[in-house]
């Protein structure tokens, strides 16, 4: 799945010349936690998020200073006091191409600790992806492997253990009884043992999983 498959194509944006109060009202009315900021030509120049508004002077002197000393740094003063979106927004903007795989999108969001990321095509913004879009995809996702019949389930579980976890086919085995899966063999750690259980549980068609793998330290 790619970024363009889950991105919201109807993007609400704001001008850098808008007031902070107007932008905050837009966020509240549309129930969103951030706004892309675009100039008059439609070029993406920044993002205004809830985080950018947490040190506003309107919230009190401590929040407006943004530091312990009485005299704020010039950048913090501007962020806390300017009425213009362009002065308060975050820039540069982290973006992804619309054809980037969804896993990469999630990794970029996690690495940059951001809640939304614009998707672009040839440098122009064509959509936006939020954490809620990714969560929605997770709730709707179907199992990766659908196996029917005991032998099909057995082969699917073995393939998952070997391909995803790199386990040696000679050191593990899988048996099926009344639809339930039993894992046999040796692994090097408790983490791998638990990962093997999770891998088996991801196979649609598998019943309960009995983890009989033994831990053998190197």
N, C-alpha and C. Protein backbone atom coordinates (compact mmCIF):
# COMPACT_ATOMS: atom_id res chain seq x y z
N UNK A 1 0.84 -1.19 0.00
CA UNK A 1 0.00 0.00 0.00
C UNK A 1 0.88 1.24 0.00
N UNK A 2 0.46 2.25 -0.76
CA UNK A 2 1.24 3.47 -0.92
C UNK A 2 0.58 4.65 -0.21
N UNK A 3 1.36 5.73 -0.08
CA UNK A 3 0.85 6.93 0.58
C UNK A 3 -0.44 7.42 -0.08
N UNK A 4 -0.50 7.38 -1.41
CA UNK A 4 -1.67 7.90 -2.12
C UNK A 4 -2.92 7.07 -1.88
N UNK A 5 -2.76 5.84 -1.38
CA UNK A 5 -3.91 4.98 -1.16
C UNK A 5 -4.69 5.36 0.09
N UNK A 6 -4.04 6.04 1.03
CA UNK A 6 -4.74 6.39 2.28
C UNK A 6 -4.77 7.88 2.57
N UNK A 7 -4.05 8.68 1.78
CA UNK A 7 -3.98 10.11 2.08
C UNK A 7 -5.34 10.79 1.89
N UNK A 8 -5.55 11.85 2.65
CA UNK A 8 -6.74 12.67 2.48
C UNK A 8 -6.45 13.68 1.37
N UNK A 9 -7.26 13.64 0.31
CA UNK A 9 -7.01 14.51 -0.83
C UNK A 9 -7.62 15.90 -0.65
N UNK A 10 -8.62 16.00 0.20
CA UNK A 10 -9.21 17.30 0.50
C UNK A 10 -8.46 17.90 1.68
N UNK A 11 -7.51 18.77 1.38
CA UNK A 11 -6.62 19.32 2.41
C UNK A 11 -7.01 20.75 2.74
N UNK A 12 -7.22 21.02 4.01
CA UNK A 12 -7.49 22.37 4.47
C UNK A 12 -6.15 23.03 4.79
N UNK A 13 -5.88 24.14 4.15
CA UNK A 13 -4.61 24.84 4.36
C UNK A 13 -4.87 26.28 4.79
N UNK A 14 -3.80 26.96 5.15
CA UNK A 14 -3.90 28.33 5.64
C UNK A 14 -2.77 29.15 5.03
N UNK A 15 -2.98 30.45 4.89
CA UNK A 15 -1.96 31.34 4.36
C UNK A 15 -1.00 31.77 5.48
N UNK A 16 0.26 32.00 5.15
CA UNK A 16 1.19 32.48 6.18
C UNK A 16 0.82 33.87 6.69
N UNK A 17 -0.06 34.57 5.96
CA UNK A 17 -0.46 35.91 6.38
C UNK A 17 -1.69 35.89 7.30
N UNK A 18 -2.28 34.72 7.49
CA UNK A 18 -3.44 34.62 8.38
C UNK A 18 -3.00 34.83 9.82
N UNK A 19 -3.97 35.20 10.65
CA UNK A 19 -3.67 35.37 12.07
C UNK A 19 -3.67 34.03 12.79
N UNK A 20 -2.94 33.96 13.86
CA UNK A 20 -2.89 32.74 14.67
C UNK A 20 -4.26 32.39 15.21
N UNK A 21 -5.02 33.37 15.64
CA UNK A 21 -6.35 33.09 16.20
C UNK A 21 -7.27 32.52 15.13
N UNK A 22 -7.16 33.01 13.90
CA UNK A 22 -7.99 32.50 12.81
C UNK A 22 -7.60 31.05 12.50
N UNK A 23 -6.30 30.79 12.45
CA UNK A 23 -5.83 29.42 12.18
C UNK A 23 -6.27 28.46 13.28
N UNK A 24 -6.15 28.91 14.52
CA UNK A 24 -6.57 28.05 15.64
C UNK A 24 -8.06 27.76 15.57
N UNK A 25 -8.85 28.74 15.15
CA UNK A 25 -10.29 28.54 14.99
C UNK A 25 -10.58 27.52 13.88
N UNK A 26 -9.83 27.59 12.79
CA UNK A 26 -9.98 26.63 11.70
C UNK A 26 -9.69 25.21 12.17
N UNK A 27 -8.66 25.06 13.00
CA UNK A 27 -8.29 23.74 13.52
C UNK A 27 -9.40 23.19 14.40
N UNK A 28 -9.97 24.05 15.24
CA UNK A 28 -11.05 23.62 16.12
C UNK A 28 -12.31 23.25 15.34
N UNK A 29 -12.68 24.10 14.40
CA UNK A 29 -13.91 23.86 13.65
C UNK A 29 -13.84 22.62 12.78
N UNK A 30 -12.65 22.30 12.28
CA UNK A 30 -12.48 21.14 11.42
C UNK A 30 -11.94 19.91 12.16
N UNK A 31 -11.74 20.06 13.46
CA UNK A 31 -11.28 18.96 14.31
C UNK A 31 -10.00 18.33 13.78
N UNK A 32 -9.04 19.19 13.48
CA UNK A 32 -7.73 18.74 13.02
C UNK A 32 -6.66 19.36 13.92
N UNK A 33 -5.51 18.70 14.00
CA UNK A 33 -4.47 19.16 14.92
C UNK A 33 -3.33 19.88 14.21
N UNK A 34 -3.47 20.09 12.90
CA UNK A 34 -2.43 20.80 12.18
C UNK A 34 -2.92 21.28 10.82
N UNK A 35 -2.28 22.34 10.32
CA UNK A 35 -2.66 22.93 9.05
C UNK A 35 -1.43 23.13 8.17
N UNK A 36 -1.44 22.62 6.93
CA UNK A 36 -0.39 23.00 5.98
C UNK A 36 -0.50 24.50 5.71
N UNK A 37 0.63 25.14 5.53
CA UNK A 37 0.67 26.58 5.23
C UNK A 37 1.16 26.76 3.80
N UNK A 38 0.35 27.38 2.95
CA UNK A 38 0.69 27.56 1.54
C UNK A 38 0.68 29.05 1.18
N UNK A 39 1.64 29.46 0.34
CA UNK A 39 1.68 30.85 -0.10
C UNK A 39 0.65 31.10 -1.20
N UNK A 40 0.67 32.30 -1.75
CA UNK A 40 -0.35 32.68 -2.74
C UNK A 40 -0.29 31.84 -4.01
N UNK A 41 0.87 31.26 -4.31
CA UNK A 41 1.00 30.42 -5.50
C UNK A 41 0.65 28.97 -5.23
N UNK A 42 0.28 28.66 -3.97
CA UNK A 42 -0.07 27.29 -3.60
C UNK A 42 1.11 26.47 -3.15
N UNK A 43 2.29 27.06 -3.06
CA UNK A 43 3.48 26.34 -2.64
C UNK A 43 3.45 26.08 -1.14
N UNK A 44 3.76 24.86 -0.74
CA UNK A 44 3.80 24.50 0.67
C UNK A 44 5.03 25.12 1.32
N UNK A 45 4.82 25.96 2.34
CA UNK A 45 5.94 26.67 2.96
C UNK A 45 6.11 26.34 4.44
N UNK A 46 5.15 25.63 5.03
CA UNK A 46 5.27 25.30 6.44
C UNK A 46 4.07 24.51 6.93
N UNK A 47 4.10 24.18 8.20
CA UNK A 47 2.96 23.52 8.85
C UNK A 47 2.76 24.16 10.21
N UNK A 48 1.53 24.45 10.53
CA UNK A 48 1.18 24.97 11.85
C UNK A 48 0.46 23.86 12.60
N UNK A 49 1.02 23.45 13.73
CA UNK A 49 0.44 22.36 14.51
C UNK A 49 0.09 22.84 15.92
N UNK A 50 -0.62 21.99 16.62
CA UNK A 50 -0.94 22.31 18.02
C UNK A 50 0.33 22.56 18.82
N UNK A 51 1.37 21.79 18.51
CA UNK A 51 2.63 21.96 19.24
C UNK A 51 3.23 23.34 19.09
N UNK A 52 3.01 23.97 17.92
CA UNK A 52 3.53 25.32 17.70
C UNK A 52 2.83 26.35 18.57
N UNK A 53 1.67 26.00 19.10
CA UNK A 53 0.86 26.97 19.85
C UNK A 53 0.94 26.78 21.36
N UNK A 54 1.79 25.86 21.81
CA UNK A 54 1.83 25.56 23.25
C UNK A 54 2.61 26.58 24.07
N UNK A 55 3.39 27.43 23.41
CA UNK A 55 4.16 28.42 24.15
C UNK A 55 3.74 29.85 23.79
N UNK A 56 2.45 30.00 23.54
CA UNK A 56 1.92 31.31 23.20
C UNK A 56 1.83 32.22 24.43
N UNK A 57 2.05 33.51 24.22
CA UNK A 57 1.97 34.47 25.32
C UNK A 57 0.56 34.52 25.90
N UNK A 58 -0.45 34.20 25.08
CA UNK A 58 -1.81 34.22 25.57
C UNK A 58 -2.04 33.21 26.70
N UNK A 59 -1.16 32.23 26.81
CA UNK A 59 -1.32 31.19 27.82
C UNK A 59 -0.67 31.57 29.14
N UNK A 60 0.01 32.71 29.19
CA UNK A 60 0.66 33.13 30.42
C UNK A 60 2.14 33.37 30.19
N UNK A 61 2.77 34.03 31.13
CA UNK A 61 4.16 34.45 30.95
C UNK A 61 5.12 33.28 30.82
N UNK A 62 4.91 32.21 31.60
CA UNK A 62 5.84 31.07 31.55
C UNK A 62 5.81 30.41 30.18
N UNK A 63 4.60 30.21 29.66
CA UNK A 63 4.48 29.59 28.34
C UNK A 63 5.05 30.50 27.27
N UNK A 64 4.80 31.80 27.37
CA UNK A 64 5.28 32.74 26.37
C UNK A 64 6.79 32.86 26.34
N UNK A 65 7.45 32.74 27.52
CA UNK A 65 8.90 32.82 27.55
C UNK A 65 9.53 31.60 26.91
N UNK A 66 8.97 30.43 27.17
CA UNK A 66 9.51 29.21 26.59
C UNK A 66 10.82 28.78 27.21
N UNK A 67 11.23 29.42 28.34
CA UNK A 67 12.45 29.02 29.02
C UNK A 67 12.39 29.55 30.45
N UNK A 68 13.37 29.18 31.25
CA UNK A 68 13.35 29.53 32.67
C UNK A 68 13.71 30.99 32.90
N UNK A 69 14.68 31.54 32.14
CA UNK A 69 15.12 32.91 32.35
C UNK A 69 14.02 33.89 31.98
N UNK A 70 14.13 35.14 32.48
CA UNK A 70 13.11 36.13 32.22
C UNK A 70 13.17 36.66 30.79
N UNK A 71 14.32 36.57 30.16
CA UNK A 71 14.46 37.11 28.82
C UNK A 71 14.49 35.97 27.80
N UNK A 72 13.50 35.86 26.95
CA UNK A 72 13.45 34.75 25.99
C UNK A 72 14.42 34.97 24.83
N UNK A 73 14.79 33.89 24.19
CA UNK A 73 15.54 33.99 22.95
C UNK A 73 14.64 34.65 21.91
N UNK A 74 15.25 35.35 20.94
CA UNK A 74 14.42 36.04 19.93
C UNK A 74 13.46 35.11 19.20
N UNK A 75 13.93 33.89 18.86
CA UNK A 75 13.05 32.94 18.15
C UNK A 75 11.85 32.55 19.00
N UNK A 76 12.10 32.33 20.30
CA UNK A 76 11.01 31.96 21.20
C UNK A 76 10.04 33.12 21.39
N UNK A 77 10.57 34.33 21.42
CA UNK A 77 9.71 35.51 21.56
C UNK A 77 8.78 35.62 20.36
N UNK A 78 9.35 35.45 19.15
CA UNK A 78 8.54 35.54 17.93
C UNK A 78 7.45 34.47 17.94
N UNK A 79 7.83 33.23 18.28
CA UNK A 79 6.86 32.13 18.31
C UNK A 79 5.74 32.41 19.30
N UNK A 80 6.08 33.04 20.41
CA UNK A 80 5.11 33.26 21.47
C UNK A 80 4.23 34.48 21.29
N UNK A 81 4.72 35.47 20.50
CA UNK A 81 4.00 36.73 20.44
C UNK A 81 3.48 37.13 19.07
N UNK A 82 4.08 36.66 17.98
CA UNK A 82 3.64 37.10 16.66
C UNK A 82 2.20 36.66 16.38
N UNK A 83 1.44 37.50 15.70
CA UNK A 83 0.06 37.16 15.35
C UNK A 83 -0.01 36.45 14.01
N UNK A 84 1.12 36.42 13.23
CA UNK A 84 1.14 35.84 11.89
C UNK A 84 1.48 34.36 11.90
N UNK A 85 0.73 33.60 11.12
CA UNK A 85 1.00 32.17 10.98
C UNK A 85 2.41 31.93 10.47
N UNK A 86 2.86 32.74 9.52
CA UNK A 86 4.18 32.56 8.93
C UNK A 86 5.32 32.67 9.92
N UNK A 87 5.11 33.38 11.02
CA UNK A 87 6.16 33.52 12.03
C UNK A 87 6.18 32.35 13.02
N UNK A 88 5.06 31.67 13.13
CA UNK A 88 4.91 30.66 14.17
C UNK A 88 5.01 29.23 13.62
N UNK A 89 4.72 29.05 12.36
CA UNK A 89 4.70 27.71 11.75
C UNK A 89 6.06 27.03 11.82
N UNK A 90 6.03 25.71 11.66
CA UNK A 90 7.26 24.91 11.60
C UNK A 90 7.72 24.80 10.15
N UNK A 91 9.01 24.98 9.95
CA UNK A 91 9.61 24.82 8.64
C UNK A 91 11.07 24.43 8.80
N UNK A 92 11.68 23.75 7.85
CA UNK A 92 11.07 23.24 6.61
C UNK A 92 10.09 22.11 6.90
N UNK A 93 9.30 21.76 5.89
CA UNK A 93 8.26 20.75 6.05
C UNK A 93 8.78 19.38 5.63
N UNK A 94 8.52 18.39 6.46
CA UNK A 94 8.82 17.01 6.10
C UNK A 94 7.69 16.50 5.20
N UNK A 95 8.02 16.02 4.02
CA UNK A 95 7.02 15.53 3.08
C UNK A 95 7.41 14.15 2.58
N UNK A 96 6.46 13.49 1.91
CA UNK A 96 6.74 12.21 1.25
C UNK A 96 6.13 12.24 -0.14
N UNK A 97 6.73 11.52 -1.06
CA UNK A 97 6.14 11.37 -2.38
C UNK A 97 4.89 10.51 -2.28
N UNK A 98 3.91 10.76 -3.09
CA UNK A 98 2.65 10.02 -3.01
C UNK A 98 2.82 8.53 -3.30
N UNK A 99 3.92 8.15 -3.95
CA UNK A 99 4.14 6.75 -4.29
C UNK A 99 5.03 6.02 -3.29
N UNK A 100 5.33 6.65 -2.16
CA UNK A 100 6.14 6.01 -1.13
C UNK A 100 5.30 4.95 -0.40
N UNK A 101 5.89 3.76 -0.12
CA UNK A 101 5.16 2.73 0.62
C UNK A 101 4.73 3.23 2.00
N UNK A 102 3.58 2.74 2.44
CA UNK A 102 3.01 3.21 3.70
C UNK A 102 3.93 2.94 4.89
N UNK A 103 4.63 1.82 4.87
CA UNK A 103 5.56 1.53 5.97
C UNK A 103 6.63 2.59 6.10
N UNK A 104 7.10 3.08 4.96
CA UNK A 104 8.11 4.15 4.97
C UNK A 104 7.52 5.44 5.52
N UNK A 105 6.27 5.73 5.16
CA UNK A 105 5.59 6.93 5.68
C UNK A 105 5.54 6.88 7.20
N UNK A 106 5.11 5.73 7.74
CA UNK A 106 5.02 5.59 9.20
C UNK A 106 6.38 5.74 9.86
N UNK A 107 7.43 5.19 9.23
CA UNK A 107 8.77 5.29 9.79
C UNK A 107 9.25 6.74 9.82
N UNK A 108 8.95 7.50 8.76
CA UNK A 108 9.34 8.91 8.71
C UNK A 108 8.60 9.72 9.77
N UNK A 109 7.32 9.43 9.96
CA UNK A 109 6.54 10.12 10.98
C UNK A 109 7.08 9.84 12.37
N UNK A 110 7.44 8.57 12.62
CA UNK A 110 7.97 8.20 13.93
C UNK A 110 9.33 8.84 14.17
N UNK A 111 10.20 8.82 13.15
CA UNK A 111 11.55 9.37 13.31
C UNK A 111 11.53 10.87 13.56
N UNK A 112 10.57 11.56 12.95
CA UNK A 112 10.49 13.02 13.10
C UNK A 112 9.51 13.46 14.17
N UNK A 113 8.85 12.47 14.82
CA UNK A 113 7.90 12.75 15.89
C UNK A 113 6.82 13.74 15.44
N UNK A 114 6.23 13.45 14.27
CA UNK A 114 5.18 14.31 13.73
C UNK A 114 3.89 13.52 13.60
N UNK A 115 2.76 14.23 13.62
CA UNK A 115 1.45 13.59 13.59
C UNK A 115 0.82 13.59 12.20
N UNK A 116 1.39 14.35 11.28
CA UNK A 116 0.85 14.41 9.93
C UNK A 116 1.98 14.71 8.96
N UNK A 117 1.80 14.31 7.71
CA UNK A 117 2.85 14.53 6.72
C UNK A 117 2.21 14.75 5.35
N UNK A 118 2.53 15.86 4.69
CA UNK A 118 1.97 16.11 3.37
C UNK A 118 2.54 15.14 2.33
N UNK A 119 1.70 14.73 1.39
CA UNK A 119 2.14 13.91 0.27
C UNK A 119 2.25 14.81 -0.96
N UNK A 120 3.32 14.64 -1.71
CA UNK A 120 3.56 15.54 -2.84
C UNK A 120 3.72 14.75 -4.14
N UNK A 121 3.44 15.45 -5.24
CA UNK A 121 3.66 14.92 -6.59
C UNK A 121 4.39 16.00 -7.38
N UNK A 122 5.61 15.68 -7.83
CA UNK A 122 6.43 16.67 -8.55
C UNK A 122 6.59 17.94 -7.73
N UNK A 123 6.70 17.79 -6.41
CA UNK A 123 6.91 18.94 -5.53
C UNK A 123 5.66 19.65 -5.07
N UNK A 124 4.51 19.34 -5.67
CA UNK A 124 3.26 20.00 -5.28
C UNK A 124 2.46 19.12 -4.33
N UNK A 125 1.87 19.72 -3.31
CA UNK A 125 1.10 18.95 -2.34
C UNK A 125 -0.20 18.44 -2.96
N UNK A 126 -0.43 17.13 -2.82
CA UNK A 126 -1.65 16.53 -3.38
C UNK A 126 -2.49 15.84 -2.32
N UNK A 127 -2.01 15.82 -1.09
CA UNK A 127 -2.77 15.19 -0.02
C UNK A 127 -2.01 15.28 1.29
N UNK A 128 -2.60 14.74 2.33
CA UNK A 128 -1.95 14.73 3.64
C UNK A 128 -2.32 13.44 4.36
N UNK A 129 -1.36 12.90 5.10
CA UNK A 129 -1.56 11.66 5.85
C UNK A 129 -1.38 11.96 7.33
N UNK A 130 -2.35 11.54 8.12
CA UNK A 130 -2.27 11.74 9.57
C UNK A 130 -2.12 10.38 10.26
N UNK A 131 -1.80 10.43 11.52
CA UNK A 131 -1.70 9.18 12.29
C UNK A 131 -3.03 8.44 12.30
N UNK A 132 -4.12 9.19 12.32
CA UNK A 132 -5.43 8.53 12.33
C UNK A 132 -5.68 7.78 11.03
N UNK A 133 -5.15 8.27 9.91
CA UNK A 133 -5.28 7.55 8.64
C UNK A 133 -4.57 6.20 8.72
N UNK A 134 -3.40 6.20 9.35
CA UNK A 134 -2.65 4.95 9.49
C UNK A 134 -3.35 4.00 10.44
N UNK A 135 -3.89 4.53 11.54
CA UNK A 135 -4.63 3.68 12.48
C UNK A 135 -5.86 3.08 11.82
N UNK A 136 -6.54 3.88 10.98
CA UNK A 136 -7.71 3.38 10.28
C UNK A 136 -7.35 2.23 9.34
N UNK A 137 -6.21 2.35 8.68
CA UNK A 137 -5.76 1.30 7.78
C UNK A 137 -5.47 0.02 8.55
N UNK A 138 -4.89 0.16 9.75
CA UNK A 138 -4.58 -1.01 10.57
C UNK A 138 -5.86 -1.75 10.96
N UNK A 139 -6.89 -1.00 11.32
CA UNK A 139 -8.15 -1.65 11.74
C UNK A 139 -8.84 -2.36 10.58
N UNK A 140 -8.58 -1.90 9.36
CA UNK A 140 -9.25 -2.48 8.20
C UNK A 140 -8.41 -3.53 7.48
N UNK A 141 -7.16 -3.70 7.93
CA UNK A 141 -6.25 -4.59 7.22
C UNK A 141 -6.67 -6.05 7.37
N UNK A 142 -6.54 -6.79 6.29
CA UNK A 142 -6.80 -8.23 6.30
C UNK A 142 -5.51 -8.97 6.64
N UNK A 143 -5.59 -10.22 7.13
CA UNK A 143 -4.38 -10.99 7.41
C UNK A 143 -3.52 -11.11 6.16
N UNK A 144 -2.20 -11.18 6.38
CA UNK A 144 -1.28 -11.27 5.25
C UNK A 144 -1.43 -12.58 4.50
N UNK A 145 -1.65 -13.65 5.22
CA UNK A 145 -1.69 -14.97 4.61
C UNK A 145 -2.99 -15.66 4.99
N UNK A 146 -3.69 -16.16 4.02
CA UNK A 146 -4.91 -16.91 4.27
C UNK A 146 -4.65 -18.36 3.88
N UNK A 147 -4.68 -19.25 4.86
CA UNK A 147 -4.40 -20.66 4.60
C UNK A 147 -5.63 -21.48 4.97
N UNK A 148 -5.96 -22.46 4.12
CA UNK A 148 -7.12 -23.31 4.33
C UNK A 148 -6.64 -24.75 4.39
N UNK A 149 -7.02 -25.46 5.47
CA UNK A 149 -6.58 -26.84 5.63
C UNK A 149 -5.33 -26.92 6.47
N UNK A 150 -5.20 -28.01 7.24
CA UNK A 150 -4.08 -28.15 8.17
C UNK A 150 -2.72 -28.07 7.49
N UNK A 151 -2.56 -28.77 6.38
CA UNK A 151 -1.25 -28.78 5.72
C UNK A 151 -0.91 -27.41 5.15
N UNK A 152 -1.92 -26.71 4.62
CA UNK A 152 -1.68 -25.37 4.10
C UNK A 152 -1.28 -24.42 5.23
N UNK A 153 -1.95 -24.53 6.38
CA UNK A 153 -1.60 -23.71 7.53
C UNK A 153 -0.18 -24.01 7.99
N UNK A 154 0.15 -25.29 8.04
CA UNK A 154 1.50 -25.70 8.47
C UNK A 154 2.56 -25.09 7.57
N UNK A 155 2.38 -25.20 6.26
CA UNK A 155 3.37 -24.65 5.33
C UNK A 155 3.45 -23.13 5.44
N UNK A 156 2.30 -22.49 5.63
CA UNK A 156 2.29 -21.03 5.74
C UNK A 156 3.01 -20.56 7.00
N UNK A 157 2.81 -21.26 8.11
CA UNK A 157 3.49 -20.89 9.36
C UNK A 157 4.99 -21.10 9.22
N UNK A 158 5.40 -22.23 8.66
CA UNK A 158 6.83 -22.49 8.48
C UNK A 158 7.47 -21.42 7.58
N UNK A 159 6.79 -21.07 6.52
CA UNK A 159 7.33 -20.06 5.61
C UNK A 159 7.49 -18.72 6.32
N UNK A 160 6.51 -18.36 7.15
CA UNK A 160 6.58 -17.10 7.88
C UNK A 160 7.73 -17.11 8.89
N UNK A 161 7.92 -18.22 9.58
CA UNK A 161 9.00 -18.31 10.57
C UNK A 161 10.36 -18.19 9.91
N UNK A 162 10.50 -18.79 8.75
CA UNK A 162 11.80 -18.79 8.07
C UNK A 162 12.06 -17.46 7.35
N UNK A 163 11.04 -16.92 6.67
CA UNK A 163 11.26 -15.71 5.88
C UNK A 163 11.30 -14.45 6.73
N UNK A 164 10.39 -14.34 7.68
CA UNK A 164 10.31 -13.11 8.47
C UNK A 164 11.28 -13.09 9.65
N UNK A 165 11.52 -14.24 10.26
CA UNK A 165 12.37 -14.30 11.45
C UNK A 165 13.74 -14.90 11.17
N UNK A 166 13.92 -15.46 9.98
CA UNK A 166 15.21 -16.04 9.63
C UNK A 166 15.55 -17.30 10.40
N UNK A 167 14.53 -18.02 10.87
CA UNK A 167 14.80 -19.25 11.61
C UNK A 167 15.24 -20.36 10.66
N UNK A 168 16.09 -21.23 11.18
CA UNK A 168 16.62 -22.35 10.39
C UNK A 168 15.55 -23.43 10.29
N UNK A 169 15.22 -23.81 9.06
CA UNK A 169 14.19 -24.83 8.85
C UNK A 169 14.56 -26.14 9.53
N UNK A 170 15.84 -26.40 9.69
CA UNK A 170 16.26 -27.65 10.32
C UNK A 170 16.12 -27.65 11.83
N UNK A 171 15.89 -26.47 12.44
CA UNK A 171 15.84 -26.40 13.90
C UNK A 171 14.42 -26.21 14.43
N UNK A 172 13.44 -26.10 13.54
CA UNK A 172 12.06 -25.88 13.99
C UNK A 172 11.12 -26.81 13.23
N UNK A 173 9.95 -26.99 13.81
CA UNK A 173 8.91 -27.77 13.13
C UNK A 173 7.55 -27.24 13.58
N UNK A 174 6.55 -27.52 12.79
CA UNK A 174 5.19 -27.08 13.07
C UNK A 174 4.26 -28.27 12.90
N UNK A 175 3.41 -28.50 13.88
CA UNK A 175 2.39 -29.54 13.76
C UNK A 175 1.02 -28.93 13.97
N UNK A 176 0.02 -29.56 13.38
CA UNK A 176 -1.36 -29.07 13.47
C UNK A 176 -2.23 -30.18 14.04
N UNK A 177 -3.03 -29.84 15.03
CA UNK A 177 -3.97 -30.80 15.61
C UNK A 177 -5.29 -30.08 15.88
N UNK A 178 -6.34 -30.54 15.19
CA UNK A 178 -7.67 -29.91 15.33
C UNK A 178 -7.62 -28.41 15.05
N UNK A 179 -6.80 -28.04 14.07
CA UNK A 179 -6.70 -26.65 13.68
C UNK A 179 -5.75 -25.83 14.53
N UNK A 180 -5.28 -26.39 15.64
CA UNK A 180 -4.37 -25.66 16.52
C UNK A 180 -2.92 -25.90 16.11
N UNK A 181 -2.10 -24.87 16.25
CA UNK A 181 -0.71 -24.92 15.82
C UNK A 181 0.21 -25.14 17.02
N UNK A 182 1.17 -26.04 16.86
CA UNK A 182 2.20 -26.24 17.87
C UNK A 182 3.56 -25.97 17.24
N UNK A 183 4.34 -25.16 17.90
CA UNK A 183 5.68 -24.82 17.42
C UNK A 183 6.70 -25.64 18.20
N UNK A 184 7.62 -26.29 17.48
CA UNK A 184 8.62 -27.15 18.10
C UNK A 184 10.02 -26.72 17.65
N UNK A 185 11.00 -27.00 18.51
CA UNK A 185 12.37 -26.76 18.11
C UNK A 185 13.11 -25.88 19.10
N UNK A 186 14.20 -25.26 18.61
CA UNK A 186 15.07 -24.48 19.47
C UNK A 186 15.27 -23.09 18.89
N UNK A 187 15.26 -22.10 19.77
CA UNK A 187 15.56 -20.72 19.38
C UNK A 187 16.55 -20.14 20.38
N UNK A 188 17.10 -18.95 20.05
CA UNK A 188 18.21 -18.41 20.83
C UNK A 188 17.78 -17.48 21.96
N UNK A 189 16.54 -17.03 21.98
CA UNK A 189 16.14 -16.08 23.02
C UNK A 189 14.64 -16.10 23.22
N UNK A 190 14.22 -15.54 24.36
CA UNK A 190 12.79 -15.43 24.65
C UNK A 190 12.12 -14.50 23.65
N UNK A 191 12.84 -13.45 23.21
CA UNK A 191 12.27 -12.52 22.24
C UNK A 191 11.95 -13.22 20.93
N UNK A 192 12.86 -14.08 20.46
CA UNK A 192 12.61 -14.82 19.22
C UNK A 192 11.47 -15.82 19.43
N UNK A 193 11.43 -16.43 20.60
CA UNK A 193 10.36 -17.39 20.90
C UNK A 193 9.00 -16.70 20.81
N UNK A 194 8.89 -15.51 21.38
CA UNK A 194 7.63 -14.78 21.34
C UNK A 194 7.32 -14.26 19.94
N UNK A 195 8.36 -13.85 19.21
CA UNK A 195 8.15 -13.40 17.84
C UNK A 195 7.62 -14.54 16.97
N UNK A 196 8.09 -15.75 17.24
CA UNK A 196 7.61 -16.92 16.49
C UNK A 196 6.12 -17.14 16.76
N UNK A 197 5.72 -16.98 18.01
CA UNK A 197 4.29 -17.11 18.34
C UNK A 197 3.46 -16.08 17.59
N UNK A 198 3.92 -14.83 17.59
CA UNK A 198 3.19 -13.77 16.89
C UNK A 198 3.12 -14.07 15.40
N UNK A 199 4.23 -14.54 14.82
CA UNK A 199 4.25 -14.86 13.39
C UNK A 199 3.22 -15.93 13.07
N UNK A 200 3.11 -16.94 13.91
CA UNK A 200 2.14 -18.01 13.67
C UNK A 200 0.71 -17.48 13.81
N UNK A 201 0.49 -16.56 14.74
CA UNK A 201 -0.86 -16.03 14.96
C UNK A 201 -1.33 -15.13 13.82
N UNK A 202 -0.39 -14.64 13.00
CA UNK A 202 -0.79 -13.77 11.89
C UNK A 202 -1.33 -14.55 10.70
N UNK A 203 -1.22 -15.87 10.74
CA UNK A 203 -1.72 -16.67 9.62
C UNK A 203 -3.21 -16.91 9.80
N UNK A 204 -4.00 -16.38 8.88
CA UNK A 204 -5.44 -16.60 8.95
C UNK A 204 -5.74 -18.05 8.62
N UNK A 205 -6.50 -18.68 9.50
CA UNK A 205 -6.80 -20.11 9.34
C UNK A 205 -6.19 -20.91 10.46
N UNK A 206 -5.16 -20.32 11.10
CA UNK A 206 -4.56 -20.98 12.26
C UNK A 206 -5.44 -20.76 13.48
N UNK A 207 -5.58 -21.82 14.28
CA UNK A 207 -6.34 -21.69 15.52
C UNK A 207 -5.43 -21.18 16.62
N UNK A 208 -5.54 -21.79 17.81
CA UNK A 208 -4.65 -21.42 18.89
C UNK A 208 -3.22 -21.83 18.59
N UNK A 209 -2.28 -21.15 19.23
CA UNK A 209 -0.87 -21.45 19.02
C UNK A 209 -0.25 -21.91 20.32
N UNK A 210 0.29 -23.15 20.32
CA UNK A 210 1.02 -23.67 21.47
C UNK A 210 2.51 -23.50 21.20
N UNK A 211 3.13 -22.69 22.01
CA UNK A 211 4.54 -22.38 21.79
C UNK A 211 5.40 -23.34 22.59
N UNK A 212 5.89 -24.37 21.92
CA UNK A 212 6.72 -25.38 22.58
C UNK A 212 8.20 -25.22 22.23
N UNK A 213 8.56 -24.06 21.70
CA UNK A 213 9.96 -23.79 21.35
C UNK A 213 10.79 -23.67 22.63
N UNK A 214 11.97 -24.26 22.60
CA UNK A 214 12.89 -24.19 23.73
C UNK A 214 13.99 -23.17 23.44
N UNK A 215 14.40 -22.49 24.49
CA UNK A 215 15.47 -21.50 24.35
C UNK A 215 16.81 -22.17 24.64
N UNK A 216 17.71 -22.08 23.67
CA UNK A 216 19.05 -22.66 23.82
C UNK A 216 20.05 -21.55 23.55
N UNK A 217 20.75 -21.11 24.57
CA UNK A 217 21.71 -20.04 24.42
C UNK A 217 22.93 -20.51 23.65
N UNK A 218 23.52 -19.56 22.91
CA UNK A 218 24.74 -19.91 22.16
C UNK A 218 25.90 -20.14 23.13
